[in-house]
mmCIF file of all heavy atoms, coordinates in Angstrom:
data_MODEL
# 
_entry.id   MODEL 
# 
loop_
_atom_site.group_PDB 
_atom_site.id 
_atom_site.type_symbol 
_atom_site.label_atom_id 
_atom_site.label_alt_id 
_atom_site.label_comp_id 
_atom_site.label_asym_id 
_atom_site.label_entity_id 
_atom_site.label_seq_id 
_atom_site.pdbx_PDB_ins_code 
_atom_site.Cartn_x 
_atom_site.Cartn_y 
_atom_site.Cartn_z 
_atom_site.occupancy 
_atom_site.B_iso_or_equiv 
_atom_site.pdbx_formal_charge 
_atom_site.auth_seq_id 
_atom_site.auth_comp_id 
_atom_site.auth_asym_id 
_atom_site.auth_atom_id 
_atom_site.pdbx_PDB_model_num 
ATOM 1   N N   . VAL A 1 1  ? 98.099  77.464 93.695  1.00 0.00 ? 1  VAL A N   1 
ATOM 2   C CA  . VAL A 1 1  ? 96.997  77.583 94.649  1.00 0.00 ? 1  VAL A CA  1 
ATOM 3   C C   . VAL A 1 1  ? 96.511  79.024 94.685  1.00 0.00 ? 1  VAL A C   1 
ATOM 4   O O   . VAL A 1 1  ? 97.301  79.963 94.525  1.00 0.00 ? 1  VAL A O   1 
ATOM 5   C CB  . VAL A 1 1  ? 97.423  77.123 96.073  1.00 0.00 ? 1  VAL A CB  1 
ATOM 6   C CG1 . VAL A 1 1  ? 98.507  78.024 96.651  1.00 0.00 ? 1  VAL A CG1 1 
ATOM 7   C CG2 . VAL A 1 1  ? 96.243  77.034 97.023  1.00 0.00 ? 1  VAL A CG2 1 
ATOM 8   N N   . TYR A 1 2  ? 95.221  79.177 94.823  1.00 0.00 ? 2  TYR A N   1 
ATOM 9   C CA  . TYR A 1 2  ? 94.661  80.497 95.127  1.00 0.00 ? 2  TYR A CA  1 
ATOM 10  C C   . TYR A 1 2  ? 93.513  80.304 96.112  1.00 0.00 ? 2  TYR A C   1 
ATOM 11  O O   . TYR A 1 2  ? 92.848  79.257 96.122  1.00 0.00 ? 2  TYR A O   1 
ATOM 12  C CB  . TYR A 1 2  ? 94.184  81.232 93.864  1.00 0.00 ? 2  TYR A CB  1 
ATOM 13  C CG  . TYR A 1 2  ? 92.862  80.756 93.313  1.00 0.00 ? 2  TYR A CG  1 
ATOM 14  C CD1 . TYR A 1 2  ? 91.678  81.458 93.559  1.00 0.00 ? 2  TYR A CD1 1 
ATOM 15  C CD2 . TYR A 1 2  ? 92.779  79.606 92.535  1.00 0.00 ? 2  TYR A CD2 1 
ATOM 16  C CE1 . TYR A 1 2  ? 90.459  81.030 93.043  1.00 0.00 ? 2  TYR A CE1 1 
ATOM 17  C CE2 . TYR A 1 2  ? 91.575  79.177 92.009  1.00 0.00 ? 2  TYR A CE2 1 
ATOM 18  C CZ  . TYR A 1 2  ? 90.410  79.896 92.268  1.00 0.00 ? 2  TYR A CZ  1 
ATOM 19  O OH  . TYR A 1 2  ? 89.214  79.471 91.763  1.00 0.00 ? 2  TYR A OH  1 
ATOM 20  N N   . THR A 1 3  ? 93.310  81.276 96.959  1.00 0.00 ? 3  THR A N   1 
ATOM 21  C CA  . THR A 1 3  ? 92.270  81.199 97.973  1.00 0.00 ? 3  THR A CA  1 
ATOM 22  C C   . THR A 1 3  ? 91.846  82.599 98.369  1.00 0.00 ? 3  THR A C   1 
ATOM 23  O O   . THR A 1 3  ? 92.585  83.570 98.157  1.00 0.00 ? 3  THR A O   1 
ATOM 24  C CB  . THR A 1 3  ? 92.760  80.427 99.217  1.00 0.00 ? 3  THR A CB  1 
ATOM 25  O OG1 . THR A 1 3  ? 91.690  80.305 100.161 1.00 0.00 ? 3  THR A OG1 1 
ATOM 26  C CG2 . THR A 1 3  ? 93.924  81.138 99.894  1.00 0.00 ? 3  THR A CG2 1 
ATOM 27  N N   . SER A 1 4  ? 90.672  82.719 98.925  1.00 0.00 ? 4  SER A N   1 
ATOM 28  C CA  . SER A 1 4  ? 90.239  83.981 99.523  1.00 0.00 ? 4  SER A CA  1 
ATOM 29  C C   . SER A 1 4  ? 89.080  83.697 100.461 1.00 0.00 ? 4  SER A C   1 
ATOM 30  O O   . SER A 1 4  ? 88.342  82.721 100.274 1.00 0.00 ? 4  SER A O   1 
ATOM 31  C CB  . SER A 1 4  ? 89.813  85.002 98.458  1.00 0.00 ? 4  SER A CB  1 
ATOM 32  O OG  . SER A 1 4  ? 88.599  84.627 97.851  1.00 0.00 ? 4  SER A OG  1 
ATOM 33  N N   . ASN A 1 5  ? 88.952  84.534 101.454 1.00 0.00 ? 5  ASN A N   1 
ATOM 34  C CA  . ASN A 1 5  ? 87.817  84.487 102.372 1.00 0.00 ? 5  ASN A CA  1 
ATOM 35  C C   . ASN A 1 5  ? 86.866  85.592 101.965 1.00 0.00 ? 5  ASN A C   1 
ATOM 36  O O   . ASN A 1 5  ? 87.222  86.769 101.992 1.00 0.00 ? 5  ASN A O   1 
ATOM 37  C CB  . ASN A 1 5  ? 88.293  84.660 103.818 1.00 0.00 ? 5  ASN A CB  1 
ATOM 38  C CG  . ASN A 1 5  ? 87.183  84.452 104.825 1.00 0.00 ? 5  ASN A CG  1 
ATOM 39  O OD1 . ASN A 1 5  ? 86.110  85.025 104.708 1.00 0.00 ? 5  ASN A OD1 1 
ATOM 40  N ND2 . ASN A 1 5  ? 87.454  83.639 105.829 1.00 0.00 ? 5  ASN A ND2 1 
ATOM 41  N N   . ALA A 1 6  ? 85.667  85.232 101.566 1.00 0.00 ? 6  ALA A N   1 
ATOM 42  C CA  . ALA A 1 6  ? 84.725  86.209 101.025 1.00 0.00 ? 6  ALA A CA  1 
ATOM 43  C C   . ALA A 1 6  ? 84.355  87.280 102.034 1.00 0.00 ? 6  ALA A C   1 
ATOM 44  O O   . ALA A 1 6  ? 84.091  88.426 101.657 1.00 0.00 ? 6  ALA A O   1 
ATOM 45  C CB  . ALA A 1 6  ? 83.468  85.498 100.534 1.00 0.00 ? 6  ALA A CB  1 
ATOM 46  N N   . THR A 1 7  ? 84.345  86.951 103.320 1.00 0.00 ? 7  THR A N   1 
ATOM 47  C CA  . THR A 1 7  ? 83.956  87.920 104.347 1.00 0.00 ? 7  THR A CA  1 
ATOM 48  C C   . THR A 1 7  ? 85.148  88.563 105.029 1.00 0.00 ? 7  THR A C   1 
ATOM 49  O O   . THR A 1 7  ? 85.020  89.630 105.618 1.00 0.00 ? 7  THR A O   1 
ATOM 50  C CB  . THR A 1 7  ? 83.074  87.242 105.414 1.00 0.00 ? 7  THR A CB  1 
ATOM 51  O OG1 . THR A 1 7  ? 83.798  86.152 106.008 1.00 0.00 ? 7  THR A OG1 1 
ATOM 52  C CG2 . THR A 1 7  ? 81.795  86.712 104.780 1.00 0.00 ? 7  THR A CG2 1 
ATOM 53  N N   . SER A 1 8  ? 86.329  87.919 104.970 1.00 0.00 ? 8  SER A N   1 
ATOM 54  C CA  . SER A 1 8  ? 87.515  88.475 105.620 1.00 0.00 ? 8  SER A CA  1 
ATOM 55  C C   . SER A 1 8  ? 88.744  88.292 104.733 1.00 0.00 ? 8  SER A C   1 
ATOM 56  O O   . SER A 1 8  ? 89.637  87.495 105.050 1.00 0.00 ? 8  SER A O   1 
ATOM 57  C CB  . SER A 1 8  ? 87.741  87.819 106.990 1.00 0.00 ? 8  SER A CB  1 
ATOM 58  O OG  . SER A 1 8  ? 88.858  88.389 107.640 1.00 0.00 ? 8  SER A OG  1 
ATOM 59  N N   . PRO A 1 9  ? 88.823  89.025 103.606 1.00 0.00 ? 9  PRO A N   1 
ATOM 60  C CA  . PRO A 1 9  ? 89.970  88.871 102.708 1.00 0.00 ? 9  PRO A CA  1 
ATOM 61  C C   . PRO A 1 9  ? 91.293  89.290 103.331 1.00 0.00 ? 9  PRO A C   1 
ATOM 62  O O   . PRO A 1 9  ? 92.355  88.884 102.853 1.00 0.00 ? 9  PRO A O   1 
ATOM 63  C CB  . PRO A 1 9  ? 89.605  89.767 101.524 1.00 0.00 ? 9  PRO A CB  1 
ATOM 64  C CG  . PRO A 1 9  ? 88.612  90.741 102.062 1.00 0.00 ? 9  PRO A CG  1 
ATOM 65  C CD  . PRO A 1 9  ? 87.848  89.996 103.108 1.00 0.00 ? 9  PRO A CD  1 
ATOM 66  N N   . ALA A 1 10 ? 91.266  90.091 104.411 1.00 0.00 ? 10 ALA A N   1 
ATOM 67  C CA  . ALA A 1 10 ? 92.511  90.471 105.074 1.00 0.00 ? 10 ALA A CA  1 
ATOM 68  C C   . ALA A 1 10 ? 93.177  89.265 105.708 1.00 0.00 ? 10 ALA A C   1 
ATOM 69  O O   . ALA A 1 10 ? 94.406  89.217 105.837 1.00 0.00 ? 10 ALA A O   1 
ATOM 70  C CB  . ALA A 1 10 ? 92.236  91.536 106.135 1.00 0.00 ? 10 ALA A CB  1 
ATOM 71  N N   . ALA A 1 11 ? 92.394  88.258 106.084 1.00 0.00 ? 11 ALA A N   1 
ATOM 72  C CA  . ALA A 1 11 ? 92.940  87.062 106.728 1.00 0.00 ? 11 ALA A CA  1 
ATOM 73  C C   . ALA A 1 11 ? 93.352  86.011 105.716 1.00 0.00 ? 11 ALA A C   1 
ATOM 74  O O   . ALA A 1 11 ? 94.315  85.270 105.939 1.00 0.00 ? 11 ALA A O   1 
ATOM 75  C CB  . ALA A 1 11 ? 91.918  86.474 107.704 1.00 0.00 ? 11 ALA A CB  1 
ATOM 76  N N   . GLU A 1 12 ? 92.641  85.959 104.580 1.00 0.00 ? 12 GLU A N   1 
ATOM 77  C CA  . GLU A 1 12 ? 92.922  84.910 103.595 1.00 0.00 ? 12 GLU A CA  1 
ATOM 78  C C   . GLU A 1 12 ? 92.648  85.459 102.200 1.00 0.00 ? 12 GLU A C   1 
ATOM 79  O O   . GLU A 1 12 ? 91.512  85.814 101.869 1.00 0.00 ? 12 GLU A O   1 
ATOM 80  C CB  . GLU A 1 12 ? 92.056  83.678 103.862 1.00 0.00 ? 12 GLU A CB  1 
ATOM 81  C CG  . GLU A 1 12 ? 92.356  82.520 102.938 1.00 0.00 ? 12 GLU A CG  1 
ATOM 82  C CD  . GLU A 1 12 ? 91.851  81.185 103.479 1.00 0.00 ? 12 GLU A CD  1 
ATOM 83  O OE1 . GLU A 1 12 ? 91.808  81.011 104.717 1.00 0.00 ? 12 GLU A OE1 1 
ATOM 84  O OE2 . GLU A 1 12 ? 91.525  80.318 102.658 1.00 0.00 ? 12 GLU A OE2 1 
ATOM 85  N N   . ASN A 1 13 ? 93.699  85.511 101.384 1.00 0.00 ? 13 ASN A N   1 
ATOM 86  C CA  . ASN A 1 13 ? 93.544  86.076 100.049 1.00 0.00 ? 13 ASN A CA  1 
ATOM 87  C C   . ASN A 1 13 ? 94.757  85.701 99.193  1.00 0.00 ? 13 ASN A C   1 
ATOM 88  O O   . ASN A 1 13 ? 95.766  85.204 99.702  1.00 0.00 ? 13 ASN A O   1 
ATOM 89  C CB  . ASN A 1 13 ? 93.390  87.595 100.105 1.00 0.00 ? 13 ASN A CB  1 
ATOM 90  C CG  . ASN A 1 13 ? 92.549  88.149 98.961  1.00 0.00 ? 13 ASN A CG  1 
ATOM 91  O OD1 . ASN A 1 13 ? 92.240  87.433 98.013  1.00 0.00 ? 13 ASN A OD1 1 
ATOM 92  N ND2 . ASN A 1 13 ? 92.197  89.419 99.042  1.00 0.00 ? 13 ASN A ND2 1 
ATOM 93  N N   . THR A 1 14 ? 94.650  85.996 97.896  1.00 0.00 ? 14 THR A N   1 
ATOM 94  C CA  . THR A 1 14 ? 95.735  85.725 96.960  1.00 0.00 ? 14 THR A CA  1 
ATOM 95  C C   . THR A 1 14 ? 95.859  86.878 95.980  1.00 0.00 ? 14 THR A C   1 
ATOM 96  O O   . THR A 1 14 ? 94.846  87.352 95.448  1.00 0.00 ? 14 THR A O   1 
ATOM 97  C CB  . THR A 1 14 ? 95.484  84.431 96.162  1.00 0.00 ? 14 THR A CB  1 
ATOM 98  O OG1 . THR A 1 14 ? 95.132  83.383 97.059  1.00 0.00 ? 14 THR A OG1 1 
ATOM 99  C CG2 . THR A 1 14 ? 96.717  84.030 95.363  1.00 0.00 ? 14 THR A CG2 1 
ATOM 100 N N   . ARG A 1 15 ? 97.081  87.328 95.774  1.00 0.00 ? 15 ARG A N   1 
ATOM 101 C CA  . ARG A 1 15 ? 97.357  88.345 94.756  1.00 0.00 ? 15 ARG A CA  1 
ATOM 102 C C   . ARG A 1 15 ? 98.152  87.700 93.639  1.00 0.00 ? 15 ARG A C   1 
ATOM 103 O O   . ARG A 1 15 ? 99.293  87.295 93.817  1.00 0.00 ? 15 ARG A O   1 
ATOM 104 C CB  . ARG A 1 15 ? 98.137  89.526 95.342  1.00 0.00 ? 15 ARG A CB  1 
ATOM 105 C CG  . ARG A 1 15 ? 98.208  90.726 94.381  1.00 0.00 ? 15 ARG A CG  1 
ATOM 106 C CD  . ARG A 1 15 ? 99.127  91.809 94.910  1.00 0.00 ? 15 ARG A CD  1 
ATOM 107 N NE  . ARG A 1 15 ? 100.534 91.487 94.657  1.00 0.00 ? 15 ARG A NE  1 
ATOM 108 C CZ  . ARG A 1 15 ? 101.550 92.257 95.058  1.00 0.00 ? 15 ARG A CZ  1 
ATOM 109 N NH1 . ARG A 1 15 ? 101.327 93.366 95.738  1.00 0.00 ? 15 ARG A NH1 1 
ATOM 110 N NH2 . ARG A 1 15 ? 102.796 91.907 94.783  1.00 0.00 ? 15 ARG A NH2 1 
ATOM 111 N N   . ILE A 1 16 ? 97.532  87.612 92.479  1.00 0.00 ? 16 ILE A N   1 
ATOM 112 C CA  . ILE A 1 16 ? 98.125  86.960 91.308  1.00 0.00 ? 16 ILE A CA  1 
ATOM 113 C C   . ILE A 1 16 ? 98.601  88.029 90.341  1.00 0.00 ? 16 ILE A C   1 
ATOM 114 O O   . ILE A 1 16 ? 97.863  88.962 90.035  1.00 0.00 ? 16 ILE A O   1 
ATOM 115 C CB  . ILE A 1 16 ? 97.086  86.050 90.615  1.00 0.00 ? 16 ILE A CB  1 
ATOM 116 C CG1 . ILE A 1 16 ? 96.663  84.917 91.562  1.00 0.00 ? 16 ILE A CG1 1 
ATOM 117 C CG2 . ILE A 1 16 ? 97.634  85.493 89.306  1.00 0.00 ? 16 ILE A CG2 1 
ATOM 118 C CD1 . ILE A 1 16 ? 95.446  84.156 91.082  1.00 0.00 ? 16 ILE A CD1 1 
ATOM 119 N N   . SER A 1 17 ? 99.820  87.879 89.857  1.00 0.00 ? 17 SER A N   1 
ATOM 120 C CA  . SER A 1 17 ? 100.328 88.801 88.845  1.00 0.00 ? 17 SER A CA  1 
ATOM 121 C C   . SER A 1 17 ? 100.762 88.021 87.617  1.00 0.00 ? 17 SER A C   1 
ATOM 122 O O   . SER A 1 17 ? 101.267 86.901 87.706  1.00 0.00 ? 17 SER A O   1 
ATOM 123 C CB  . SER A 1 17 ? 101.498 89.629 89.383  1.00 0.00 ? 17 SER A CB  1 
ATOM 124 O OG  . SER A 1 17 ? 102.630 88.820 89.602  1.00 0.00 ? 17 SER A OG  1 
ATOM 125 N N   . ILE A 1 18 ? 100.534 88.637 86.445  1.00 0.00 ? 18 ILE A N   1 
ATOM 126 C CA  . ILE A 1 18 ? 100.953 88.047 85.177  1.00 0.00 ? 18 ILE A CA  1 
ATOM 127 C C   . ILE A 1 18 ? 101.509 89.160 84.304  1.00 0.00 ? 18 ILE A C   1 
ATOM 128 O O   . ILE A 1 18 ? 100.912 90.226 84.189  1.00 0.00 ? 18 ILE A O   1 
ATOM 129 C CB  . ILE A 1 18 ? 99.791  87.307 84.495  1.00 0.00 ? 18 ILE A CB  1 
ATOM 130 C CG1 . ILE A 1 18 ? 100.263 86.664 83.187  1.00 0.00 ? 18 ILE A CG1 1 
ATOM 131 C CG2 . ILE A 1 18 ? 98.593  88.225 84.273  1.00 0.00 ? 18 ILE A CG2 1 
ATOM 132 C CD1 . ILE A 1 18 ? 99.258  85.677 82.626  1.00 0.00 ? 18 ILE A CD1 1 
ATOM 133 N N   . THR A 1 19 ? 102.670 88.920 83.720  1.00 0.00 ? 19 THR A N   1 
ATOM 134 C CA  . THR A 1 19 ? 103.395 89.946 82.968  1.00 0.00 ? 19 THR A CA  1 
ATOM 135 C C   . THR A 1 19 ? 103.664 89.483 81.547  1.00 0.00 ? 19 THR A C   1 
ATOM 136 O O   . THR A 1 19 ? 104.081 88.341 81.327  1.00 0.00 ? 19 THR A O   1 
ATOM 137 C CB  . THR A 1 19 ? 104.733 90.272 83.665  1.00 0.00 ? 19 THR A CB  1 
ATOM 138 O OG1 . THR A 1 19 ? 104.466 90.793 84.970  1.00 0.00 ? 19 THR A OG1 1 
ATOM 139 C CG2 . THR A 1 19 ? 105.534 91.297 82.869  1.00 0.00 ? 19 THR A CG2 1 
ATOM 140 N N   . ASN A 1 20 ? 103.422 90.379 80.606  1.00 0.00 ? 20 ASN A N   1 
ATOM 141 C CA  . ASN A 1 20 ? 103.784 90.163 79.213  1.00 0.00 ? 20 ASN A CA  1 
ATOM 142 C C   . ASN A 1 20 ? 105.158 90.773 78.992  1.00 0.00 ? 20 ASN A C   1 
ATOM 143 O O   . ASN A 1 20 ? 105.302 91.989 78.867  1.00 0.00 ? 20 ASN A O   1 
ATOM 144 C CB  . ASN A 1 20 ? 102.735 90.815 78.295  1.00 0.00 ? 20 ASN A CB  1 
ATOM 145 C CG  . ASN A 1 20 ? 103.137 90.773 76.823  1.00 0.00 ? 20 ASN A CG  1 
ATOM 146 O OD1 . ASN A 1 20 ? 104.078 90.085 76.432  1.00 0.00 ? 20 ASN A OD1 1 
ATOM 147 N ND2 . ASN A 1 20 ? 102.407 91.524 75.999  1.00 0.00 ? 20 ASN A ND2 1 
ATOM 148 N N   . SER A 1 21 ? 106.176 89.949 78.933  1.00 0.00 ? 21 SER A N   1 
ATOM 149 C CA  . SER A 1 21 ? 107.543 90.438 78.749  1.00 0.00 ? 21 SER A CA  1 
ATOM 150 C C   . SER A 1 21 ? 107.937 90.508 77.279  1.00 0.00 ? 21 SER A C   1 
ATOM 151 O O   . SER A 1 21 ? 109.099 90.764 76.962  1.00 0.00 ? 21 SER A O   1 
ATOM 152 C CB  . SER A 1 21 ? 108.530 89.545 79.506  1.00 0.00 ? 21 SER A CB  1 
ATOM 153 O OG  . SER A 1 21 ? 108.601 88.259 78.914  1.00 0.00 ? 21 SER A OG  1 
ATOM 154 N N   . GLY A 1 22 ? 106.982 90.270 76.386  1.00 0.00 ? 22 GLY A N   1 
ATOM 155 C CA  . GLY A 1 22 ? 107.302 90.159 74.975  1.00 0.00 ? 22 GLY A CA  1 
ATOM 156 C C   . GLY A 1 22 ? 106.996 91.382 74.141  1.00 0.00 ? 22 GLY A C   1 
ATOM 157 O O   . GLY A 1 22 ? 106.599 92.434 74.657  1.00 0.00 ? 22 GLY A O   1 
ATOM 158 N N   . PRO A 1 23 ? 107.142 91.254 72.811  1.00 0.00 ? 23 PRO A N   1 
ATOM 159 C CA  . PRO A 1 23 ? 107.114 92.399 71.907  1.00 0.00 ? 23 PRO A CA  1 
ATOM 160 C C   . PRO A 1 23 ? 105.738 92.738 71.339  1.00 0.00 ? 23 PRO A C   1 
ATOM 161 O O   . PRO A 1 23 ? 105.626 93.657 70.521  1.00 0.00 ? 23 PRO A O   1 
ATOM 162 C CB  . PRO A 1 23 ? 108.041 91.943 70.776  1.00 0.00 ? 23 PRO A CB  1 
ATOM 163 C CG  . PRO A 1 23 ? 107.821 90.460 70.718  1.00 0.00 ? 23 PRO A CG  1 
ATOM 164 C CD  . PRO A 1 23 ? 107.595 90.019 72.141  1.00 0.00 ? 23 PRO A CD  1 
ATOM 165 N N   . ALA A 1 24 ? 104.675 92.024 71.723  1.00 0.00 ? 24 ALA A N   1 
ATOM 166 C CA  . ALA A 1 24 ? 103.365 92.248 71.115  1.00 0.00 ? 24 ALA A CA  1 
ATOM 167 C C   . ALA A 1 24 ? 102.267 92.196 72.161  1.00 0.00 ? 24 ALA A C   1 
ATOM 168 O O   . ALA A 1 24 ? 102.463 91.686 73.273  1.00 0.00 ? 24 ALA A O   1 
ATOM 169 C CB  . ALA A 1 24 ? 103.107 91.197 70.037  1.00 0.00 ? 24 ALA A CB  1 
ATOM 170 N N   . SER A 1 25 ? 101.096 92.710 71.813  1.00 0.00 ? 25 SER A N   1 
ATOM 171 C CA  . SER A 1 25 ? 99.927  92.557 72.674  1.00 0.00 ? 25 SER A CA  1 
ATOM 172 C C   . SER A 1 25 ? 99.434  91.114 72.586  1.00 0.00 ? 25 SER A C   1 
ATOM 173 O O   . SER A 1 25 ? 99.547  90.457 71.545  1.00 0.00 ? 25 SER A O   1 
ATOM 174 C CB  . SER A 1 25 ? 98.818  93.519 72.246  1.00 0.00 ? 25 SER A CB  1 
ATOM 175 O OG  . SER A 1 25 ? 99.223  94.858 72.429  1.00 0.00 ? 25 SER A OG  1 
ATOM 176 N N   . ILE A 1 26 ? 98.863  90.633 73.675  1.00 0.00 ? 26 ILE A N   1 
ATOM 177 C CA  . ILE A 1 26 ? 98.467  89.233 73.734  1.00 0.00 ? 26 ILE A CA  1 
ATOM 178 C C   . ILE A 1 26 ? 97.225  89.086 74.610  1.00 0.00 ? 26 ILE A C   1 
ATOM 179 O O   . ILE A 1 26 ? 97.012  89.860 75.547  1.00 0.00 ? 26 ILE A O   1 
ATOM 180 C CB  . ILE A 1 26 ? 99.622  88.353 74.294  1.00 0.00 ? 26 ILE A CB  1 
ATOM 181 C CG1 . ILE A 1 26 ? 99.340  86.860 74.082  1.00 0.00 ? 26 ILE A CG1 1 
ATOM 182 C CG2 . ILE A 1 26 ? 99.878  88.656 75.757  1.00 0.00 ? 26 ILE A CG2 1 
ATOM 183 C CD1 . ILE A 1 26 ? 99.423  86.418 72.659  1.00 0.00 ? 26 ILE A CD1 1 
ATOM 184 N N   . GLY A 1 27 ? 96.391  88.103 74.289  1.00 0.00 ? 27 GLY A N   1 
ATOM 185 C CA  . GLY A 1 27 ? 95.289  87.748 75.163  1.00 0.00 ? 27 GLY A CA  1 
ATOM 186 C C   . GLY A 1 27 ? 95.704  86.625 76.090  1.00 0.00 ? 27 GLY A C   1 
ATOM 187 O O   . GLY A 1 27 ? 96.552  85.788 75.743  1.00 0.00 ? 27 GLY A O   1 
ATOM 188 N N   . VAL A 1 28 ? 95.135  86.603 77.281  1.00 0.00 ? 28 VAL A N   1 
ATOM 189 C CA  . VAL A 1 28 ? 95.422  85.533 78.244  1.00 0.00 ? 28 VAL A CA  1 
ATOM 190 C C   . VAL A 1 28 ? 94.092  84.984 78.746  1.00 0.00 ? 28 VAL A C   1 
ATOM 191 O O   . VAL A 1 28 ? 93.293  85.714 79.343  1.00 0.00 ? 28 VAL A O   1 
ATOM 192 C CB  . VAL A 1 28 ? 96.271  86.030 79.434  1.00 0.00 ? 28 VAL A CB  1 
ATOM 193 C CG1 . VAL A 1 28 ? 96.546  84.873 80.388  1.00 0.00 ? 28 VAL A CG1 1 
ATOM 194 C CG2 . VAL A 1 28 ? 97.576  86.634 78.945  1.00 0.00 ? 28 VAL A CG2 1 
ATOM 195 N N   . HIS A 1 29 ? 93.848  83.716 78.458  1.00 0.00 ? 29 HIS A N   1 
ATOM 196 C CA  . HIS A 1 29 ? 92.631  83.042 78.907  1.00 0.00 ? 29 HIS A CA  1 
ATOM 197 C C   . HIS A 1 29 ? 92.913  82.432 80.278  1.00 0.00 ? 29 HIS A C   1 
ATOM 198 O O   . HIS A 1 29 ? 93.757  81.544 80.413  1.00 0.00 ? 29 HIS A O   1 
ATOM 199 C CB  . HIS A 1 29 ? 92.236  81.955 77.907  1.00 0.00 ? 29 HIS A CB  1 
ATOM 200 C CG  . HIS A 1 29 ? 90.795  81.583 77.956  1.00 0.00 ? 29 HIS A CG  1 
ATOM 201 N ND1 . HIS A 1 29 ? 90.112  81.054 76.880  1.00 0.00 ? 29 HIS A ND1 1 
ATOM 202 C CD2 . HIS A 1 29 ? 89.873  81.660 78.948  1.00 0.00 ? 29 HIS A CD2 1 
ATOM 203 C CE1 . HIS A 1 29 ? 88.849  80.826 77.205  1.00 0.00 ? 29 HIS A CE1 1 
ATOM 204 N NE2 . HIS A 1 29 ? 88.693  81.178 78.467  1.00 0.00 ? 29 HIS A NE2 1 
# 
């Protein structure tokens, strides 16, 4: 799930993180 409030992101928002733990550069779609 992800959500955000366009006018009040302090009340409703999502912080998504993605990590490349591997040995090469990679693209993520």
